[in-house]
Amino acid sequence: MQPSVKQVIILGSTGSIGEHTLDVISRNKEKFRVLGLSAHSNSELLLKQIDKFSPEYAALGDIDKAKAIENRIKGRTKILKGEDAIENLLDKKSDLVVVAISGGRALLPVLKALETAKAIALANKEALVMAGHLIMKKAEEKKVKIIPVDSEQSAIFQCLKDENTHAIKKVYLTASGGPLKNISRKNFFKVTPDKALNHPRWKMGRKISIDSATLMNKGLELIEAMWLFALKSEAIEIIIHPEAIIHSMVEFIDGVVLAQLAVADMRIPIQYALTYPERISSGFKSLNFSAIKKLTFEKPDFKKFPCLRLAKEASLSGGSAPCVLNAVNEEAVNAFLDRRISFIAIPKVIEKVLSRHRVVKCPDLEQILKTDAWARNEVKCLIS
């Protein structure tokens, strides 16, 4: 019997993860059908994707641009417009929703997707950082599988397959060290957006690239892993691995360590999330072990990269603290990219706002959204 074709919705199809996802699908057209695409404002790229993949639906937040696309495609795809576009798209039943929207704005779409999708391929860490307790509880209630797409979380997910999580001793979350690994801390005041965006291993979006430069990305991943794999903060260790070949490791109580290795290509974890629980041939580049001269590991410098310390502290505080951490970081990163603050000001702004926050231990969705808005406003007041 031929396996059924998976109906896939991609949220954030015009971003780097969205484009990689569509590349994987284009290589496996017999296995997937693009049911729906969404974009925030990149209408030209969305139009090209509509022409190539002929989705039944496409959602675009910018109403004027959405109307312009509608006139050009002449009914081939139903265009959903405005603030409710993604919500209306997610009303459609699908086999898999790929969440490739960046930042905290993915929270509500993730919660909505849990109502209609059979599974979610999650390429957004901020939603879990903000409200992991709400997302994981709802996923369990709705019996929806959340499959991580980030290379590190995918590595842990694969290492844990069929293993009892009670047998975990430690998870090692690897980091390349980012573009500033070999730059002295005393020279951080000279770091420009262009320098911070120049990641040595991965080609990523602007926000995640800055998070990789501050190592906040690894701090957010720590909190994400806590929710995905039901781990305490103390069970996760961040380790610098500049070669970016081992994407994470799991140590078990019997002393065995399982590691997932692959070349640094985001299409590999994306394909696994799309085909899970199966594996299929990819045609992507394989590791050449004879060319690998060494695999090195070192502890991160928490003084040089204070965002790591702040994320660790927020993970231990729990409750609404990670929501504040995420919101302030997003606003501070945007301010740095706009050259309104310096690189070294990012952790200072985060620490300042966190110190003003009274943690709510088990916030509901309304409290999460209010906390997020409060934190963003605090940042804007500080910067102004």
Protein backbone atom coordinates (compact mmCIF):
# COMPACT_ATOMS: atom_id res chain seq x y z
CA MET A 1 0.00 0.00 0.00
CA GLN A 2 1.31 3.44 -0.92
CA PRO A 3 1.83 5.75 2.10
CA SER A 4 -0.49 8.75 2.10
CA VAL A 5 0.84 12.15 1.10
CA LYS A 6 1.36 14.44 4.09
CA GLN A 7 -0.58 17.71 4.02
CA VAL A 8 1.84 20.39 5.27
CA ILE A 9 1.30 23.98 6.40
CA ILE A 10 4.42 26.17 6.70
CA LEU A 11 4.23 29.25 8.90
CA GLY A 12 7.01 31.67 7.97
CA SER A 13 7.67 30.16 4.54
CA THR A 14 9.75 33.12 3.32
CA GLY A 15 12.32 32.90 6.13
CA SER A 16 15.45 30.74 6.00
CA ILE A 17 13.83 27.73 7.70
CA GLY A 18 10.73 28.07 5.55
CA GLU A 19 12.80 28.13 2.36
CA HIS A 20 14.84 25.12 3.50
CA THR A 21 11.61 23.27 4.28
CA LEU A 22 10.27 23.93 0.80
CA ASP A 23 13.57 22.74 -0.67
CA VAL A 24 13.18 19.42 1.19
CA ILE A 25 9.59 19.12 -0.02
CA SER A 26 10.59 19.87 -3.62
CA ARG A 27 12.99 16.91 -3.46
CA ASN A 28 10.21 14.63 -2.19
CA LYS A 29 7.08 15.73 -4.04
CA GLU A 30 5.58 12.25 -3.86
CA LYS A 31 5.55 12.40 -0.05
CA PHE A 32 4.29 15.93 0.70
CA ARG A 33 1.70 18.41 -0.46
CA VAL A 34 1.93 22.05 0.54
CA LEU A 35 -1.53 22.81 1.89
CA GLY A 36 -0.74 26.32 3.10
CA LEU A 37 1.98 28.95 3.36
CA SER A 38 2.23 32.09 5.46
CA ALA A 39 4.43 35.17 5.36
CA HIS A 40 4.51 38.43 7.25
CA SER A 41 5.27 40.89 4.43
CA ASN A 42 7.61 39.31 1.85
CA SER A 43 4.96 39.15 -0.86
CA GLU A 44 7.31 38.74 -3.82
CA LEU A 45 8.94 35.60 -2.46
CA LEU A 46 5.58 34.26 -1.30
CA LEU A 47 4.24 34.75 -4.83
CA LYS A 48 7.14 32.71 -6.26
CA GLN A 49 6.42 29.96 -3.72
CA ILE A 50 2.73 29.96 -4.66
CA ASP A 51 3.67 29.63 -8.34
CA LYS A 52 5.98 26.69 -7.62
CA PHE A 53 4.01 24.73 -5.00
CA SER A 54 0.37 25.68 -5.74
CA PRO A 55 -0.84 25.64 -2.13
CA GLU A 56 -4.56 25.67 -1.48
CA TYR A 57 -4.10 28.61 0.91
CA ALA A 58 -1.59 31.40 1.51
CA ALA A 59 -1.70 33.86 4.41
CA LEU A 60 -0.13 37.32 4.35
CA GLY A 61 -0.34 39.82 7.19
CA ASP A 62 0.08 42.91 5.01
CA ILE A 63 -3.42 43.46 3.59
CA ASP A 64 -2.39 45.68 0.66
CA LYS A 65 0.31 43.24 -0.45
CA ALA A 66 -2.12 40.35 0.00
CA LYS A 67 -4.64 42.04 -2.30
CA ALA A 68 -1.91 42.65 -4.87
CA ILE A 69 -0.99 38.93 -4.84
CA GLU A 70 -4.66 37.99 -5.10
CA ASN A 71 -4.99 40.01 -8.28
CA ARG A 72 -1.91 38.39 -9.81
CA ILE A 73 -2.68 34.71 -9.10
CA LYS A 74 -6.32 34.93 -10.26
CA GLY A 75 -7.86 32.41 -7.86
CA ARG A 76 -5.29 29.59 -8.07
CA THR A 77 -4.68 29.88 -4.31
CA LYS A 78 -7.03 31.32 -1.71
CA ILE A 79 -5.32 34.35 -0.11
CA LEU A 80 -5.96 34.96 3.61
CA LYS A 81 -5.29 38.53 4.70
CA GLY A 82 -4.54 40.63 7.79
CA GLU A 83 -4.09 39.97 11.50
CA ASP A 84 -6.27 36.85 11.49
CA ALA A 85 -4.69 35.34 8.38
CA ILE A 86 -2.56 32.76 10.20
CA GLU A 87 -5.37 31.81 12.56
CA ASN A 88 -7.68 31.28 9.58
CA LEU A 89 -5.00 29.21 7.85
CA LEU A 90 -4.63 27.03 10.93
CA ASP A 91 -8.36 26.32 10.90
CA LYS A 92 -7.54 23.94 8.03
CA LYS A 93 -6.84 20.36 9.08
CA SER A 94 -3.29 19.26 8.31
CA ASP A 95 -0.92 16.40 8.97
CA LEU A 96 1.95 18.68 9.93
CA VAL A 97 2.41 22.36 10.73
CA VAL A 98 5.96 23.65 10.39
CA VAL A 99 6.36 26.63 12.72
CA ALA A 100 9.19 28.69 11.23
CA ILE A 101 7.99 32.07 12.54
CA SER A 102 10.70 33.78 14.59
CA GLY A 103 10.30 35.33 18.02
CA GLY A 104 7.51 35.51 20.56
CA ARG A 105 4.86 36.19 17.91
CA ALA A 106 4.83 32.42 17.27
CA LEU A 107 3.21 31.66 20.64
CA LEU A 108 -0.45 32.09 19.63
CA PRO A 109 -0.01 30.26 16.29
CA VAL A 110 1.62 27.31 18.11
CA LEU A 111 -1.30 27.10 20.55
CA LYS A 112 -3.74 27.33 17.62
CA ALA A 113 -1.90 24.66 15.62
CA LEU A 114 -2.24 22.26 18.54
CA GLU A 115 -6.00 22.35 17.97
CA THR A 116 -6.03 21.25 14.32
CA ALA A 117 -2.71 19.63 13.33
CA LYS A 118 -1.72 16.01 13.82
CA ALA A 119 1.88 17.04 14.52
CA ILE A 120 4.00 20.19 14.80
CA ALA A 121 7.55 20.59 13.50
CA LEU A 122 8.80 23.33 15.78
CA ALA A 123 11.58 25.59 14.52
CA ASN A 124 10.78 28.33 17.01
CA LYS A 125 12.24 28.23 20.52
CA GLU A 126 10.78 31.48 21.85
CA ALA A 127 7.22 30.13 22.19
CA LEU A 128 8.40 27.37 24.53
CA VAL A 129 10.60 29.80 26.45
CA MET A 130 7.60 32.07 27.02
CA ALA A 131 4.98 29.45 27.83
CA GLY A 132 6.40 25.95 27.73
CA HIS A 133 4.07 24.75 30.47
CA LEU A 134 0.99 25.79 28.48
CA ILE A 135 2.22 24.37 25.17
CA MET A 136 3.33 20.99 26.49
CA LYS A 137 0.17 20.54 28.55
CA LYS A 138 -2.01 21.28 25.53
CA ALA A 139 0.07 19.02 23.28
CA GLU A 140 -0.47 16.18 25.74
CA GLU A 141 -4.20 16.86 26.00
CA LYS A 142 -4.62 17.02 22.22
CA LYS A 143 -2.20 14.12 21.64
CA VAL A 144 -0.17 16.20 19.18
CA LYS A 145 3.48 15.28 18.67
CA ILE A 146 5.93 18.19 18.81
CA ILE A 147 9.01 17.38 16.71
CA PRO A 148 11.93 19.79 17.18
CA VAL A 149 13.61 21.25 14.10
CA ASP A 150 16.56 23.14 15.62
CA SER A 151 19.66 21.02 14.99
CA GLU A 152 20.52 20.72 18.69
CA GLN A 153 17.01 19.79 19.84
CA SER A 154 16.62 17.40 16.91
CA ALA A 155 19.88 15.75 17.96
CA ILE A 156 18.62 15.23 21.51
CA PHE A 157 15.27 14.00 20.17
CA GLN A 158 17.02 11.43 17.99
CA CYS A 159 19.37 10.29 20.76
CA LEU A 160 16.41 9.76 23.10
CA LYS A 161 14.34 7.74 20.64
CA ASP A 162 12.81 4.75 22.48
CA GLU A 163 14.82 5.58 25.62
CA ASN A 164 13.35 6.11 29.07
CA THR A 165 13.95 9.74 30.03
CA HIS A 166 14.39 8.64 33.65
CA ALA A 167 17.65 7.02 32.51
CA ILE A 168 19.14 10.38 31.47
CA LYS A 169 22.07 11.60 33.50
CA LYS A 170 22.93 14.70 31.48
CA VAL A 171 22.22 16.38 28.16
CA TYR A 172 25.09 18.20 26.46
CA LEU A 173 23.82 21.09 24.36
CA THR A 174 26.56 22.02 21.90
CA ALA A 175 27.35 25.49 20.57
CA SER A 176 29.84 26.51 17.91
CA GLY A 177 30.81 29.56 19.95
CA GLY A 178 29.45 31.99 17.38
CA PRO A 179 31.25 34.73 15.43
CA LEU A 180 32.82 36.33 18.52
CA LYS A 181 34.37 33.24 20.05
CA ASN A 182 37.93 34.36 19.32
CA ILE A 183 37.39 38.08 19.96
CA SER A 184 38.48 39.46 23.32
CA ARG A 185 35.72 40.63 25.64
CA LYS A 186 37.44 44.01 25.98
CA ASN A 187 36.85 44.56 22.24
CA PHE A 188 33.12 43.79 22.35
CA PHE A 189 32.33 47.52 22.42
CA LYS A 190 33.59 47.63 18.80
CA VAL A 191 31.25 44.87 17.59
CA THR A 192 28.96 46.07 14.80
CA PRO A 193 25.78 44.35 13.54
CA ASP A 194 27.67 43.20 10.42
CA LYS A 195 30.34 41.54 12.54
CA ALA A 196 27.81 39.88 14.85
CA LEU A 197 25.75 38.59 11.91
CA ASN A 198 28.74 36.81 10.35
CA HIS A 199 28.27 33.32 11.80
CA PRO A 200 31.13 30.92 10.99
CA ARG A 201 29.01 27.78 10.53
CA TRP A 202 25.34 28.52 9.88
CA LYS A 203 23.42 30.83 7.54
CA MET A 204 20.48 32.03 9.61
CA GLY A 205 18.05 34.90 10.11
CA ARG A 206 19.21 38.18 11.62
CA LYS A 207 17.72 37.76 15.09
CA ILE A 208 18.99 34.23 15.69
CA SER A 209 22.42 35.24 14.32
CA ILE A 210 22.75 37.98 16.96
CA ASP A 211 21.55 35.52 19.61
CA SER A 212 24.36 33.22 18.49
CA ALA A 213 26.86 36.06 18.87
CA THR A 214 25.72 36.79 22.46
CA LEU A 215 25.20 33.02 23.11
CA MET A 216 21.66 33.88 24.22
CA ASN A 217 20.55 31.38 21.58
CA LYS A 218 22.08 28.63 23.67
CA GLY A 219 20.42 29.94 26.81
CA LEU A 220 17.03 29.95 25.08
CA GLU A 221 17.71 26.42 23.83
CA LEU A 222 18.43 25.31 27.39
CA ILE A 223 14.95 26.44 28.47
CA GLU A 224 13.42 24.96 25.32
CA ALA A 225 15.06 21.59 26.04
CA MET A 226 13.71 21.63 29.59
CA TRP A 227 10.16 21.65 28.21
CA LEU A 228 10.67 19.39 25.19
CA PHE A 229 12.32 16.62 27.19
CA ALA A 230 10.95 17.20 30.72
CA LEU A 231 14.39 18.01 32.15
CA LYS A 232 15.55 20.20 35.01
CA SER A 233 17.96 23.01 34.24
CA GLU A 234 20.73 21.26 36.20
CA ALA A 235 20.55 18.24 33.86
CA ILE A 236 21.56 20.31 30.82
CA GLU A 237 25.15 21.39 30.21
CA ILE A 238 26.13 23.83 27.47
CA ILE A 239 29.43 22.98 25.81
CA ILE A 240 31.36 24.83 23.09
CA HIS A 241 32.14 22.64 20.07
CA PRO A 242 33.59 24.88 17.32
CA GLU A 243 33.53 22.24 14.58
CA ALA A 244 29.69 22.04 14.79
CA ILE A 245 29.75 18.36 13.83
CA ILE A 246 28.24 16.91 17.00
CA HIS A 247 24.90 18.65 17.35
CA SER A 248 24.20 17.47 20.91
CA MET A 249 24.77 14.47 23.18
CA VAL A 250 22.88 12.55 25.83
CA GLU A 251 24.62 10.78 28.71
CA PHE A 252 22.73 7.99 30.44
CA ILE A 253 23.02 6.74 34.01
CA ASP A 254 25.01 3.67 32.90
CA GLY A 255 27.78 5.90 31.50
CA VAL A 256 26.83 5.54 27.82
CA VAL A 257 26.83 8.74 25.76
CA LEU A 258 24.88 8.94 22.50
CA ALA A 259 25.74 11.73 20.06
CA GLN A 260 24.17 12.85 16.79
CA LEU A 261 26.64 13.91 14.09
CA ALA A 262 26.00 15.52 10.72
CA VAL A 263 27.24 18.31 8.50
CA ALA A 264 25.95 21.78 9.37
CA ASP A 265 22.94 21.80 7.04
CA MET A 266 19.52 22.74 8.46
CA ARG A 267 17.77 20.67 5.78
CA ILE A 268 18.86 17.50 7.60
CA PRO A 269 16.89 18.07 10.84
CA ILE A 270 14.06 19.63 8.81
CA GLN A 271 13.76 16.50 6.67
CA TYR A 272 13.75 14.28 9.77
CA ALA A 273 10.94 16.37 11.28
CA LEU A 274 8.95 16.10 8.04
CA THR A 275 9.37 12.35 7.62
CA TYR A 276 9.33 11.30 11.30
CA PRO A 277 9.26 8.51 12.35
CA GLU A 278 10.75 7.40 9.03
CA ARG A 279 14.14 8.21 7.55
CA ILE A 280 14.56 8.69 3.82
CA SER A 281 17.49 9.36 1.52
CA SER A 282 18.30 13.06 1.32
CA GLY A 283 21.01 13.58 -1.27
CA PHE A 284 22.61 16.07 1.12
CA LYS A 285 26.33 16.13 1.83
CA SER A 286 27.63 13.46 4.22
CA LEU A 287 30.39 13.71 6.80
CA ASN A 288 33.88 12.86 5.57
CA PHE A 289 35.41 11.32 8.68
CA SER A 290 38.88 11.02 7.20
CA ALA A 291 38.90 14.80 6.68
CA ILE A 292 37.93 15.55 10.30
CA LYS A 293 41.20 16.28 12.05
CA LYS A 294 39.80 16.89 15.52
CA LEU A 295 36.68 17.37 17.62
CA THR A 296 37.20 19.90 20.40
CA PHE A 297 35.12 20.89 23.41
CA GLU A 298 35.38 23.62 26.01
CA LYS A 299 33.31 25.22 28.71
CA PRO A 300 31.55 28.48 27.81
CA ASP A 301 32.82 31.72 29.35
CA PHE A 302 29.87 33.04 31.37
CA LYS A 303 31.70 36.31 32.11
CA LYS A 304 32.44 36.99 28.47
CA PHE A 305 28.88 36.04 27.47
CA PRO A 306 26.63 37.20 30.34
CA CYS A 307 23.46 36.37 28.38
CA LEU A 308 24.18 32.71 29.15
CA ARG A 309 24.20 33.46 32.88
CA LEU A 310 20.97 35.44 32.63
CA ALA A 311 19.25 32.62 30.74
CA LYS A 312 20.45 30.06 33.29
CA GLU A 313 19.15 32.21 36.16
CA ALA A 314 15.78 32.63 34.41
CA SER A 315 15.58 28.86 33.87
CA LEU A 316 16.06 28.33 37.62
CA SER A 317 13.56 31.05 38.56
CA GLY A 318 10.97 29.59 36.18
CA GLY A 319 7.44 30.92 35.99
CA SER A 320 7.26 34.21 34.08
CA ALA A 321 11.02 34.93 34.25
CA PRO A 322 11.86 33.22 30.92
CA CYS A 323 9.05 35.19 29.24
CA VAL A 324 10.66 38.44 30.38
CA LEU A 325 14.10 37.20 29.31
CA ASN A 326 12.83 36.45 25.83
CA ALA A 327 10.85 39.67 25.36
CA VAL A 328 13.67 41.94 26.53
CA ASN A 329 16.22 40.06 24.44
CA GLU A 330 14.10 40.45 21.29
CA GLU A 331 13.72 44.18 21.82
CA ALA A 332 17.39 44.66 22.71
CA VAL A 333 18.54 42.71 19.66
CA ASN A 334 16.30 44.80 17.41
CA ALA A 335 17.71 47.97 18.98
CA PHE A 336 21.26 46.74 18.35
CA LEU A 337 20.47 45.86 14.72
CA ASP A 338 19.01 49.36 14.32
CA ARG A 339 22.21 50.75 15.91
CA ARG A 340 20.28 52.33 18.78
CA ILE A 341 22.32 50.48 21.42
CA SER A 342 25.76 48.87 21.48
CA PHE A 343 26.44 45.13 21.48
CA ILE A 344 27.59 45.21 25.12
CA ALA A 345 24.34 46.93 26.14
CA ILE A 346 22.22 43.89 25.22
CA PRO A 347 22.87 41.87 28.42
CA LYS A 348 22.79 45.04 30.53
CA VAL A 349 19.28 45.88 29.34
CA ILE A 350 18.12 42.30 29.92
CA GLU A 351 19.51 42.19 33.46
CA LYS A 352 18.01 45.58 34.32
CA VAL A 353 14.47 44.63 33.29
CA LEU A 354 14.70 41.17 34.87
CA SER A 355 15.64 42.83 38.18
CA ARG A 356 12.40 44.86 38.03
CA HIS A 357 10.17 41.85 37.44
CA ARG A 358 8.23 40.03 40.14
CA VAL A 359 8.02 36.41 39.01
CA VAL A 360 4.60 34.81 38.60
CA LYS A 361 5.10 31.14 39.37
CA CYS A 362 2.52 29.52 37.07
CA PRO A 363 1.19 32.21 34.70
CA ASP A 364 -1.82 31.62 32.48
CA LEU A 365 -1.92 32.81 28.88
CA GLU A 366 -3.30 36.23 29.77
CA GLN A 367 -0.53 36.76 32.34
CA ILE A 368 2.09 35.62 29.82
CA LEU A 369 0.89 38.12 27.22
CA LYS A 370 0.74 40.93 29.78
CA THR A 371 4.23 40.08 31.04
CA ASP A 372 5.57 40.05 27.48
CA ALA A 373 4.03 43.47 26.75
CA TRP A 374 5.28 44.92 30.06
CA ALA A 375 8.84 43.74 29.42
CA ARG A 376 8.92 45.17 25.90
CA ASN A 377 7.65 48.50 27.15
CA GLU A 378 10.31 48.57 29.87
CA VAL A 379 13.01 48.10 27.25
CA LYS A 380 11.67 50.92 25.11
CA CYS A 381 11.61 53.25 28.13
CA LEU A 382 15.17 52.28 29.08
CA ILE A 383 16.53 52.81 25.57
CA SER A 384 14.73 56.09 25.03
